[in-house]
C-alpha cells in the first residue's frame, strides 16, 4: 500500500515547508480523515517564486528543442515507472477509482510525449517579398506562466499546464488545488528528476485569492492558464487584464447529449452511463443534460436509472468499485440542494438523490427526469453523478435546448442519420462535439470551449502555441 507522502512547496528546487506558515488539512474523501498538513505560501514565498521564475525564463527560453523534448520524454518514462504509486496517491486524495487514476496518469505520459514532439514543430514562415527584402514570422515563448489547476484531475490538470509551458520554452509557477497537492507535486518532481532546471518549475499552494492576486499583480507573469469554474475564471480574467496578461481559460460546462430515435438505446447507454459516473460526475465535459427524442425517452430514462442504480460505489482503492466518493464536503451538499430544488419544481427522481452512509463524501448516482428548465440544476453545472433526462419532439427543439445556456465546452449527439450528423456538427455551439462517441479528448486534439466555457485551448499543437507569442521580422 502506497503511503500518503509528506507535503511541501517546491521553490528553486527546494522542498519548502515548516516555519510559521499557515497549513491546510488534506482530507481522504472516503473517511473525512486528515491525510497530511499542507504548508501555504506567504507573501515572501510568492515573491521568491516570482524571482526564480524570472531567472528560469531567462534560462529556458534559450533552450534547444532537443533539450526541452529530452526533459518531457524523460519525465514520461519516470511517470510510467511510478504509475501505480502515483495513481494510488491521486485516489487517496481525490477519491476516483484507482483504474481511472491510472488512465489519467497515462494521459499525462501521452501529453508529455506529444508535447516533446511539438518542440521541433514550432514553425514560423517566410513571407514573399521583392528581391533584397526578407520577412519572416516566428514563434517565441511568452514568458513566465502562472497556472492554476483544480482538484478533479489531480494528475492530468497539472500535467497539461506544465507540459505546455515547458515545451514552449517558458518558466512556470503552478498552483494546484490544495485538496490534491501530492499528485501535482509528483508530476513536477518527475520533470525535475528528468533534468528540468530548478528555476523553470515552481509549485506553490495557498489561499487562492491571495495567491492569484499576488502572482497576477506582478509584471513578471506574462501568461495565465486556468482550469476551473466560470465564476472564478471571470474574476481571474479581470485581474489578468490589469497587466495585459494573456489567458487560456478552460471553464465550466453543462454538457448536452442529444439522443435521437434512430439509435440503439442500449448502445448509447453502454457509453453514456459510465460516462456520467466517471470521477463521480466531477468532470467539466461530463454528459449532463440528456435531450432525448420522445419515442425513445422512456426506454432511455429507465435504462439509465437501472444502470446508475447498479453502479458499485465505494473506496476507489477497492477492487470492482466503479465510482468513488465526491472529492470534498461541498459537493454532496450541492447535490442535495439541486435535488431538493428540482423536486420542488416538479422533477421526478428515478433513482438516487441521497447521500450514502455517514462517513466520507458519498452520493448516490442520480437520475432526474422531466426537469423544468427553471430548476437550478438545469442552469448551473451540477458537477456530480446526476443525469438530467427530458423528452423533446423535433430536431430543432433539441438543438435549441443544447444551445440554450451560455456554456459551450463539450456536447454530444447520437444519431445514425448522416445528414443529421452534419447538421448537428454545424449547429451545436461548443468547443468540442462528440458524434456517436463520448471520447472527445486526446494529446493531439485541442481541448477548450466557447462563450462562458472559456477561450483558448489545451493539448494539441494549440496547447503549446498558447504559451507563445508571434513576432514578425522585416529585413531590408
Protein backbone atom coordinates (compact mmCIF):
# COMPACT_ATOMS: atom_id res chain seq x y z
CA UNK A 1 0.00 0.00 0.00
CA UNK A 2 1.37 3.38 -1.02
CA UNK A 3 1.67 5.73 1.93
CA UNK A 4 0.48 9.28 1.50
CA UNK A 5 3.61 11.48 1.33
CA UNK A 6 4.60 14.46 3.43
CA UNK A 7 3.75 17.75 1.76
CA UNK A 8 5.69 20.83 0.78
CA UNK A 9 6.04 23.51 -1.88
CA UNK A 10 8.81 23.50 -4.49
CA UNK A 11 10.66 26.78 -4.97
CA UNK A 12 14.06 26.92 -6.71
CA UNK A 13 14.32 23.15 -6.33
CA UNK A 14 13.86 23.34 -2.56
CA UNK A 15 11.12 21.49 -0.73
CA UNK A 16 9.64 24.31 1.31
CA UNK A 17 7.65 23.55 4.46
CA UNK A 18 7.55 24.24 8.18
CA UNK A 19 8.15 27.57 9.86
CA UNK A 20 5.19 29.64 10.95
CA UNK A 21 3.29 29.16 7.69
CA UNK A 22 -0.41 28.50 7.74
CA UNK A 23 -1.45 24.96 6.84
CA UNK A 24 -4.34 23.25 5.09
CA UNK A 25 -5.65 19.81 6.07
CA UNK A 26 -5.67 17.44 3.10
CA UNK A 27 -8.54 15.01 3.65
CA UNK A 28 -9.30 11.49 2.45
CA UNK A 29 -12.79 11.79 0.90
CA UNK A 30 -13.56 8.16 1.76
CA UNK A 31 -13.30 8.74 5.51
CA UNK A 32 -13.11 12.51 6.02
CA UNK A 33 -9.88 11.96 7.95
CA UNK A 34 -6.80 14.15 7.51
CA UNK A 35 -4.03 12.68 5.37
CA UNK A 36 -1.45 15.41 5.91
CA UNK A 37 -0.98 19.12 6.51
CA UNK A 38 -0.06 21.25 3.51
CA UNK A 39 2.06 24.38 4.05
CA UNK A 40 0.57 27.51 2.47
CA UNK A 41 2.64 30.22 0.85
CA UNK A 42 3.07 33.63 2.42
CA UNK A 43 3.94 36.78 0.50
CA UNK A 44 7.67 36.12 0.84
CA UNK A 45 7.28 32.66 -0.67
CA UNK A 46 5.38 34.06 -3.62
CA UNK A 47 7.93 36.83 -4.19
CA UNK A 48 10.69 34.25 -4.14
CA UNK A 49 8.81 32.05 -6.63
CA UNK A 50 8.35 35.05 -8.94
CA UNK A 51 12.04 35.97 -8.78
CA UNK A 52 13.06 32.39 -9.52
CA UNK A 53 10.57 32.13 -12.39
CA UNK A 54 12.07 35.27 -13.93
CA UNK A 55 15.53 33.67 -13.79
CA UNK A 56 14.10 30.42 -15.09
CA UNK A 57 12.64 32.08 -18.15
CA UNK A 58 15.98 33.69 -18.95
CA UNK A 59 17.47 30.18 -18.93
CA UNK A 60 14.75 28.13 -20.59
CA UNK A 61 13.81 30.50 -23.42
CA UNK A 62 17.23 29.78 -24.92
CA UNK A 63 16.99 26.00 -24.54
CA UNK A 64 17.04 23.92 -27.70
CA UNK A 65 14.06 21.89 -28.88
CA UNK A 66 16.08 18.77 -28.13
CA UNK A 67 16.70 19.85 -24.53
CA UNK A 68 13.03 20.55 -23.92
CA UNK A 69 11.98 17.29 -25.57
CA UNK A 70 14.52 15.32 -23.55
CA UNK A 71 13.07 16.61 -20.27
CA UNK A 72 9.49 15.86 -21.29
CA UNK A 73 10.28 12.38 -22.60
CA UNK A 74 12.39 11.61 -19.55
CA UNK A 75 9.57 12.67 -17.26
CA UNK A 76 7.14 10.48 -19.22
CA UNK A 77 9.39 7.46 -18.63
CA UNK A 78 9.63 8.22 -14.91
CA UNK A 79 5.87 8.57 -14.64
CA UNK A 80 5.45 5.14 -16.22
CA UNK A 81 7.84 3.68 -13.66
CA UNK A 82 5.94 5.38 -10.82
CA UNK A 83 2.46 4.89 -12.26
CA UNK A 84 0.93 2.63 -9.62
CA UNK A 85 2.19 4.71 -6.70
CA UNK A 86 1.03 7.99 -8.22
CA UNK A 87 -2.38 6.62 -9.17
CA UNK A 88 -2.89 5.41 -5.59
CA UNK A 89 -1.94 8.82 -4.22
CA UNK A 90 -4.42 10.50 -6.58
CA UNK A 91 -7.15 8.13 -5.44
CA UNK A 92 -6.35 8.73 -1.79
CA UNK A 93 -6.65 12.50 -2.04
CA UNK A 94 -9.36 12.89 -4.72
CA UNK A 95 -11.44 9.71 -4.43
CA UNK A 96 -11.70 8.43 -8.01
CA UNK A 97 -11.27 4.67 -8.55
CA UNK A 98 -7.68 3.50 -8.95
CA UNK A 99 -8.17 2.36 -12.60
CA UNK A 100 -9.43 5.84 -13.50
CA UNK A 101 -6.43 7.44 -11.79
CA UNK A 102 -4.13 5.09 -13.70
CA UNK A 103 -5.72 6.12 -17.01
CA UNK A 104 -5.33 9.77 -16.02
CA UNK A 105 -1.62 9.21 -15.38
CA UNK A 106 -1.29 7.58 -18.80
CA UNK A 107 -2.88 10.69 -20.32
CA UNK A 108 -0.09 12.80 -18.81
CA UNK A 109 2.50 10.41 -20.25
CA UNK A 110 0.91 10.72 -23.67
CA UNK A 111 0.74 14.51 -23.43
CA UNK A 112 4.39 14.84 -22.39
CA UNK A 113 5.49 12.68 -25.31
CA UNK A 114 3.31 14.61 -27.76
CA UNK A 115 4.49 17.98 -26.42
CA UNK A 116 8.08 16.74 -26.75
CA UNK A 117 7.47 16.19 -30.44
CA UNK A 118 5.94 19.66 -30.79
CA UNK A 119 9.21 21.19 -29.58
CA UNK A 120 10.60 20.54 -33.08
CA UNK A 121 7.44 21.65 -34.88
CA UNK A 122 7.11 25.23 -33.67
CA UNK A 123 7.46 26.52 -37.19
CA UNK A 124 7.22 30.10 -38.37
CA UNK A 125 7.01 31.12 -42.02
CA UNK A 126 8.81 33.21 -44.63
CA UNK A 127 6.80 35.81 -46.50
CA UNK A 128 7.08 36.56 -50.20
CA UNK A 129 8.86 39.87 -50.71
CA UNK A 130 10.73 41.66 -53.56
CA UNK A 131 14.33 40.67 -54.14
CA UNK A 132 16.58 42.17 -51.48
CA UNK A 133 13.99 42.04 -48.71
CA UNK A 134 13.29 39.28 -46.20
CA UNK A 135 10.28 39.00 -43.93
CA UNK A 136 9.67 36.13 -41.53
CA UNK A 137 7.22 35.23 -38.78
CA UNK A 138 8.44 33.34 -35.75
CA UNK A 139 7.03 31.94 -32.53
CA UNK A 140 8.67 32.82 -29.22
CA UNK A 141 7.87 31.79 -25.63
CA UNK A 142 5.51 34.26 -23.97
CA UNK A 143 7.30 34.42 -20.61
CA UNK A 144 6.72 33.14 -17.07
CA UNK A 145 3.37 31.38 -16.74
CA UNK A 146 1.07 31.33 -13.72
CA UNK A 147 -1.00 28.15 -13.88
CA UNK A 148 -3.98 27.32 -11.67
CA UNK A 149 -5.23 23.72 -11.71
CA UNK A 150 -8.31 22.27 -9.98
CA UNK A 151 -8.74 19.11 -7.93
CA UNK A 152 -10.88 16.93 -10.20
CA UNK A 153 -7.95 15.63 -12.29
CA UNK A 154 -5.10 15.94 -9.80
CA UNK A 155 -2.51 14.40 -12.15
CA UNK A 156 -3.88 15.44 -15.53
CA UNK A 157 -4.53 19.12 -14.97
CA UNK A 158 -1.04 19.91 -13.64
CA UNK A 159 0.46 17.76 -16.40
CA UNK A 160 -1.32 19.71 -19.13
CA UNK A 161 -0.11 23.04 -17.82
CA UNK A 162 3.46 22.01 -17.07
CA UNK A 163 3.91 20.22 -20.39
CA UNK A 164 2.68 23.13 -22.50
CA UNK A 165 4.80 25.77 -20.78
CA UNK A 166 7.96 23.66 -20.76
CA UNK A 167 7.60 22.66 -24.43
CA UNK A 168 7.15 26.32 -25.38
CA UNK A 169 10.28 27.44 -23.51
CA UNK A 170 8.55 29.17 -20.61
CA UNK A 171 9.08 29.02 -16.88
CA UNK A 172 6.02 28.24 -14.78
CA UNK A 173 4.59 28.73 -11.30
CA UNK A 174 1.97 26.05 -10.69
CA UNK A 175 -0.72 26.49 -8.07
CA UNK A 176 -2.76 23.34 -7.95
CA UNK A 177 -5.73 22.75 -5.70
CA UNK A 178 -4.93 22.49 -2.02
CA UNK A 179 -7.21 19.41 -1.80
CA UNK A 180 -4.93 17.37 -4.09
CA UNK A 181 -1.35 18.62 -3.70
CA UNK A 182 0.67 15.39 -3.67
CA UNK A 183 -0.37 14.45 -7.21
CA UNK A 184 0.70 17.82 -8.62
CA UNK A 185 4.00 17.73 -6.74
CA UNK A 186 4.71 14.27 -8.15
CA UNK A 187 4.26 15.48 -11.75
CA UNK A 188 6.61 18.44 -11.26
CA UNK A 189 9.11 16.26 -9.41
CA UNK A 190 9.26 13.85 -12.35
CA UNK A 191 10.17 16.77 -14.63
CA UNK A 192 12.86 17.98 -12.23
CA UNK A 193 14.23 14.45 -11.92
CA UNK A 194 14.35 14.29 -15.73
CA UNK A 195 16.61 17.34 -15.89
CA UNK A 196 14.33 20.38 -15.84
CA UNK A 197 16.37 23.27 -14.40
CA UNK A 198 15.16 24.02 -10.89
CA UNK A 199 14.49 27.64 -11.78
CA UNK A 200 12.00 26.70 -14.50
CA UNK A 201 9.27 24.93 -12.50
CA UNK A 202 7.84 26.04 -9.14
CA UNK A 203 4.85 24.73 -7.16
CA UNK A 204 3.09 26.83 -4.53
CA UNK A 205 -0.12 26.45 -2.54
CA UNK A 206 -2.10 28.97 -0.56
CA UNK A 207 -5.31 30.87 -0.06
CA UNK A 208 -6.50 31.01 -3.68
CA UNK A 209 -7.47 34.68 -3.82
CA UNK A 210 -4.24 35.74 -2.09
CA UNK A 211 -2.07 33.72 -4.45
CA UNK A 212 -3.88 34.79 -7.62
CA UNK A 213 -3.82 38.49 -6.74
CA UNK A 214 -0.12 38.32 -5.81
CA UNK A 215 1.02 36.44 -8.90
CA UNK A 216 -1.20 38.22 -11.42
CA UNK A 217 -0.33 41.58 -9.89
CA UNK A 218 3.34 41.03 -10.76
CA UNK A 219 4.79 42.31 -14.05
CA UNK A 220 6.86 39.11 -14.19
CA UNK A 221 3.89 36.93 -15.13
CA UNK A 222 3.06 37.08 -18.83
CA UNK A 223 0.56 34.24 -19.18
CA UNK A 224 -2.32 32.86 -17.10
CA UNK A 225 -3.58 29.32 -17.61
CA UNK A 226 -6.67 28.49 -15.56
CA UNK A 227 -8.97 25.50 -15.32
CA UNK A 228 -11.99 25.85 -13.06
CA UNK A 229 -15.39 27.44 -12.63
CA UNK A 230 -16.73 30.22 -14.80
CA UNK A 231 -17.20 32.48 -11.77
CA UNK A 232 -13.56 32.20 -10.71
CA UNK A 233 -12.39 32.37 -14.31
CA UNK A 234 -14.10 35.70 -14.85
CA UNK A 235 -12.52 37.03 -11.66
CA UNK A 236 -9.02 35.94 -12.72
CA UNK A 237 -9.50 37.35 -16.22
CA UNK A 238 -10.21 40.75 -14.68
CA UNK A 239 -7.04 40.53 -12.57
CA UNK A 240 -5.02 39.50 -15.63
CA UNK A 241 -6.36 42.40 -17.65
CA UNK A 242 -4.65 44.95 -15.42
CA UNK A 243 -1.24 43.75 -16.65
CA UNK A 244 -2.48 42.66 -20.11
CA UNK A 245 -1.57 39.08 -19.26
CA UNK A 246 -2.51 36.57 -21.95
CA UNK A 247 -5.02 33.97 -20.82
CA UNK A 248 -6.16 30.45 -21.52
CA UNK A 249 -9.41 29.76 -19.68
CA UNK A 250 -10.92 26.26 -19.53
CA UNK A 251 -14.10 26.91 -17.58
CA UNK A 252 -17.35 25.21 -16.65
CA UNK A 253 -19.73 23.31 -18.87
CA UNK A 254 -23.20 21.78 -18.84
CA UNK A 255 -22.79 19.00 -21.38
CA UNK A 256 -25.85 18.44 -23.57
CA UNK A 257 -26.37 14.95 -25.04
CA UNK A 258 -28.82 14.71 -27.95
CA UNK A 259 -30.26 11.21 -28.35
CA UNK A 260 -32.38 10.63 -31.46
CA UNK A 261 -34.92 7.88 -32.06
CA UNK A 262 -32.92 6.18 -34.81
CA UNK A 263 -30.26 4.81 -32.43
CA UNK A 264 -30.00 1.60 -30.45
CA UNK A 265 -30.73 2.79 -26.92
CA UNK A 266 -28.68 0.09 -25.21
CA UNK A 267 -25.64 1.01 -27.28
CA UNK A 268 -25.91 4.63 -26.20
CA UNK A 269 -26.44 3.70 -22.55
CA UNK A 270 -23.42 1.44 -22.55
CA UNK A 271 -21.29 4.54 -23.09
CA UNK A 272 -23.40 7.27 -21.51
CA UNK A 273 -23.95 5.65 -18.10
CA UNK A 274 -20.28 5.05 -17.22
CA UNK A 275 -19.50 8.45 -18.74
CA UNK A 276 -21.90 10.01 -16.24
CA UNK A 277 -20.38 8.26 -13.18
CA UNK A 278 -16.77 8.80 -14.28
CA UNK A 279 -14.99 10.59 -11.45
CA UNK A 280 -18.39 10.81 -9.71
CA UNK A 281 -19.52 13.23 -12.41
CA UNK A 282 -16.85 15.74 -11.38
CA UNK A 283 -15.72 16.29 -14.96
CA UNK A 284 -16.06 19.53 -16.89
CA UNK A 285 -17.09 17.62 -20.04
CA UNK A 286 -19.40 15.20 -18.22
CA UNK A 287 -22.58 14.30 -20.14
CA UNK A 288 -25.30 16.00 -18.11
CA UNK A 289 -28.42 17.23 -19.96
CA UNK A 290 -29.81 14.26 -21.88
CA UNK A 291 -32.03 15.70 -24.61
CA UNK A 292 -33.95 12.63 -25.76
CA UNK A 293 -36.39 12.28 -28.62
CA UNK A 294 -39.86 11.33 -27.40
CA UNK A 295 -40.13 7.87 -29.00
CA UNK A 296 -37.12 6.55 -27.04
CA UNK A 297 -37.41 8.73 -23.94
CA UNK A 298 -38.92 6.19 -21.57
CA UNK A 299 -36.56 3.39 -22.60
CA UNK A 300 -33.58 5.67 -22.25
CA UNK A 301 -34.70 7.09 -18.89
CA UNK A 302 -35.45 3.68 -17.40
CA UNK A 303 -32.27 2.17 -18.78
CA UNK A 304 -30.14 4.96 -17.38
CA UNK A 305 -31.81 4.66 -13.97
CA UNK A 306 -31.25 0.90 -13.93
CA UNK A 307 -27.58 1.20 -14.84
CA UNK A 308 -26.80 4.00 -12.42
CA UNK A 309 -28.61 2.24 -9.58
CA UNK A 310 -26.40 -0.83 -10.18
CA UNK A 311 -23.16 1.18 -10.01
CA UNK A 312 -20.82 -0.10 -7.31
CA UNK A 313 -19.88 2.88 -5.15
CA UNK A 314 -17.09 2.71 -2.56
CA UNK A 315 -13.43 3.25 -1.76
CA UNK A 316 -11.61 3.78 -5.04
CA UNK A 317 -8.75 1.56 -3.87
CA UNK A 318 -11.04 -1.47 -3.55
CA UNK A 319 -11.36 -3.90 -6.45
CA UNK A 320 -14.51 -3.61 -8.51
CA UNK A 321 -15.52 -0.15 -7.34
CA UNK A 322 -16.97 1.82 -10.26
CA UNK A 323 -17.45 5.19 -8.55
CA UNK A 324 -15.72 6.67 -5.54
CA UNK A 325 -16.78 9.45 -3.19
CA UNK A 326 -17.08 13.06 -4.21
CA UNK A 327 -13.88 14.98 -3.62
CA UNK A 328 -14.90 17.29 -0.77
CA UNK A 329 -17.87 18.03 1.52
CA UNK A 330 -19.06 20.88 -0.70
CA UNK A 331 -20.08 18.51 -3.48
CA UNK A 332 -22.65 16.28 -1.73
CA UNK A 333 -24.08 19.43 -0.15
CA UNK A 334 -24.55 20.86 -3.65
CA UNK A 335 -26.14 17.63 -4.89
CA UNK A 336 -28.70 17.70 -2.08
CA UNK A 337 -29.53 21.30 -2.88
CA UNK A 338 -30.01 20.54 -6.58
CA UNK A 339 -32.24 17.53 -5.90
CA UNK A 340 -34.42 19.42 -3.41
CA UNK A 341 -34.86 22.35 -5.78
CA UNK A 342 -35.65 20.12 -8.77
CA UNK A 343 -38.24 18.17 -6.75
CA UNK A 344 -39.82 21.41 -5.64
CA UNK A 345 -40.09 22.47 -9.29
CA UNK A 346 -41.77 19.19 -10.23
CA UNK A 347 -38.94 16.94 -11.44
CA UNK A 348 -39.09 13.18 -10.93
CA UNK A 349 -36.32 11.31 -9.10
CA UNK A 350 -35.94 7.99 -10.92
CA UNK A 351 -33.02 6.74 -8.86
CA UNK A 352 -30.64 8.06 -6.23
CA UNK A 353 -30.89 11.58 -4.90
CA UNK A 354 -29.39 10.97 -1.48
CA UNK A 355 -26.09 10.66 0.36
CA UNK A 356 -24.63 7.23 1.06
CA UNK A 357 -23.77 6.48 4.69
CA UNK A 358 -22.50 8.94 7.26
CA UNK A 359 -18.76 8.72 6.59
CA UNK A 360 -16.92 10.40 3.75
CA UNK A 361 -18.49 12.26 0.84
CA UNK A 362 -20.51 9.60 -0.99
CA UNK A 363 -23.60 10.42 -3.04
CA UNK A 364 -25.89 8.10 -4.97
CA UNK A 365 -25.75 8.15 -8.78
CA UNK A 366 -28.92 10.03 -9.60
CA UNK A 367 -31.40 10.33 -12.46
CA UNK A 368 -33.82 13.26 -12.59
CA UNK A 369 -36.36 13.32 -15.40
CA UNK A 370 -38.88 15.79 -16.76
CA UNK A 371 -36.92 18.55 -15.08
CA UNK A 372 -38.36 22.06 -15.60
CA UNK A 373 -35.96 24.46 -17.26
CA UNK A 374 -36.19 26.86 -14.33
CA UNK A 375 -34.76 24.28 -11.91
CA UNK A 376 -31.32 25.32 -10.66
CA UNK A 377 -29.65 22.16 -11.92
CA UNK A 378 -30.80 22.86 -15.49
CA UNK A 379 -28.87 26.14 -15.44
CA UNK A 380 -25.93 25.53 -13.10
CA UNK A 381 -23.27 22.89 -13.67
CA UNK A 382 -24.06 20.09 -11.18
CA UNK A 383 -20.52 18.66 -11.23
CA UNK A 384 -21.72 15.41 -9.77
CA UNK A 385 -23.20 11.98 -10.62
CA UNK A 386 -26.51 13.38 -11.82
CA UNK A 387 -28.18 12.70 -15.19
CA UNK A 388 -30.96 15.09 -16.26
CA UNK A 389 -33.28 13.48 -18.83
CA UNK A 390 -36.03 15.36 -20.69
CA UNK A 391 -38.15 14.46 -23.77
CA UNK A 392 -38.24 16.53 -26.97
CA UNK A 393 -40.14 16.10 -30.21
CA UNK A 394 -38.12 17.68 -33.02
CA UNK A 395 -34.51 18.10 -34.02
CA UNK A 396 -34.95 21.87 -33.94
CA UNK A 397 -36.19 21.78 -30.35
CA UNK A 398 -33.30 19.54 -29.32
CA UNK A 399 -30.69 21.82 -30.88
CA UNK A 400 -32.33 24.85 -29.26
CA UNK A 401 -32.07 23.21 -25.82
CA UNK A 402 -28.46 22.20 -26.44
CA UNK A 403 -27.62 25.84 -27.21
CA UNK A 404 -29.86 27.42 -24.57
CA UNK A 405 -27.18 28.01 -21.95
CA UNK A 406 -24.17 30.32 -22.33
CA UNK A 407 -21.80 27.36 -21.77
CA UNK A 408 -20.10 25.74 -24.73
CA UNK A 409 -17.43 23.28 -23.63
CA UNK A 410 -18.44 19.77 -24.76
CA UNK A 411 -21.60 18.44 -26.40
CA UNK A 412 -22.60 15.01 -27.63
CA UNK A 413 -25.10 13.61 -30.12
CA UNK A 414 -26.27 10.13 -31.02
CA UNK A 415 -27.88 9.53 -34.41
CA UNK A 416 -27.34 7.22 -37.38
CA UNK A 417 -28.61 9.79 -39.87
CA UNK A 418 -25.51 11.05 -41.70
CA UNK A 419 -27.13 14.25 -42.90
CA UNK A 420 -28.32 14.99 -39.37
CA UNK A 421 -24.81 14.37 -38.06
CA UNK A 422 -23.54 17.08 -40.41
CA UNK A 423 -26.27 19.50 -39.35
CA UNK A 424 -25.52 18.91 -35.68
CA UNK A 425 -21.80 19.42 -36.24
CA UNK A 426 -22.57 22.81 -37.75
CA UNK A 427 -25.33 23.94 -35.39
CA UNK A 428 -24.22 22.86 -31.91
CA UNK A 429 -22.31 25.65 -30.18
CA UNK A 430 -19.42 24.02 -28.33
CA UNK A 431 -15.67 23.82 -28.49
CA UNK A 432 -15.80 20.01 -28.69
CA UNK A 433 -18.54 17.83 -30.15
CA UNK A 434 -18.76 14.05 -29.96
CA UNK A 435 -20.94 12.33 -32.55
CA UNK A 436 -21.83 8.76 -31.54
CA UNK A 437 -18.97 8.90 -29.07
CA UNK A 438 -18.11 10.30 -25.68
CA UNK A 439 -14.37 10.17 -26.43
CA UNK A 440 -13.54 13.77 -27.28
CA UNK A 441 -10.01 14.21 -25.92
CA UNK A 442 -6.50 13.30 -26.97
CA UNK A 443 -2.98 14.60 -26.67
CA UNK A 444 -3.09 15.76 -30.30
CA UNK A 445 -6.52 17.42 -30.13
CA UNK A 446 -7.30 20.93 -28.86
CA UNK A 447 -9.32 20.93 -25.64
CA UNK A 448 -11.34 24.03 -24.83
CA UNK A 449 -14.68 25.79 -25.03
CA UNK A 450 -16.52 28.87 -26.20
CA UNK A 451 -18.72 31.51 -24.57
CA UNK A 452 -18.82 31.11 -20.77
CA UNK A 453 -16.80 27.92 -21.04
CA UNK A 454 -13.71 29.97 -21.77
CA UNK A 455 -11.30 30.58 -24.60
CA UNK A 456 -8.05 29.15 -25.89
CA UNK A 457 -7.07 25.50 -25.92
CA UNK A 458 -5.01 22.99 -24.04
CA UNK A 459 -3.48 19.89 -25.66
CA UNK A 460 -2.59 19.57 -29.31
CA UNK A 461 -0.24 21.98 -31.09
CA UNK A 462 -2.62 24.72 -29.97
CA UNK A 463 -1.85 23.98 -26.32
CA UNK A 464 1.84 24.64 -26.80
CA UNK A 465 1.28 27.67 -29.03
CA UNK A 466 -0.94 29.12 -26.27
CA UNK A 467 2.28 29.68 -24.30
CA UNK A 468 3.93 31.54 -27.18
CA UNK A 469 3.69 34.87 -28.99
CA UNK A 470 4.24 35.81 -32.62
CA UNK A 471 6.98 38.11 -33.84
CA UNK A 472 7.16 39.49 -37.39
CA UNK A 473 10.68 40.31 -38.63
CA UNK A 474 11.27 42.55 -41.65
CA UNK A 475 14.81 42.92 -43.02
CA UNK A 476 15.81 45.37 -45.72
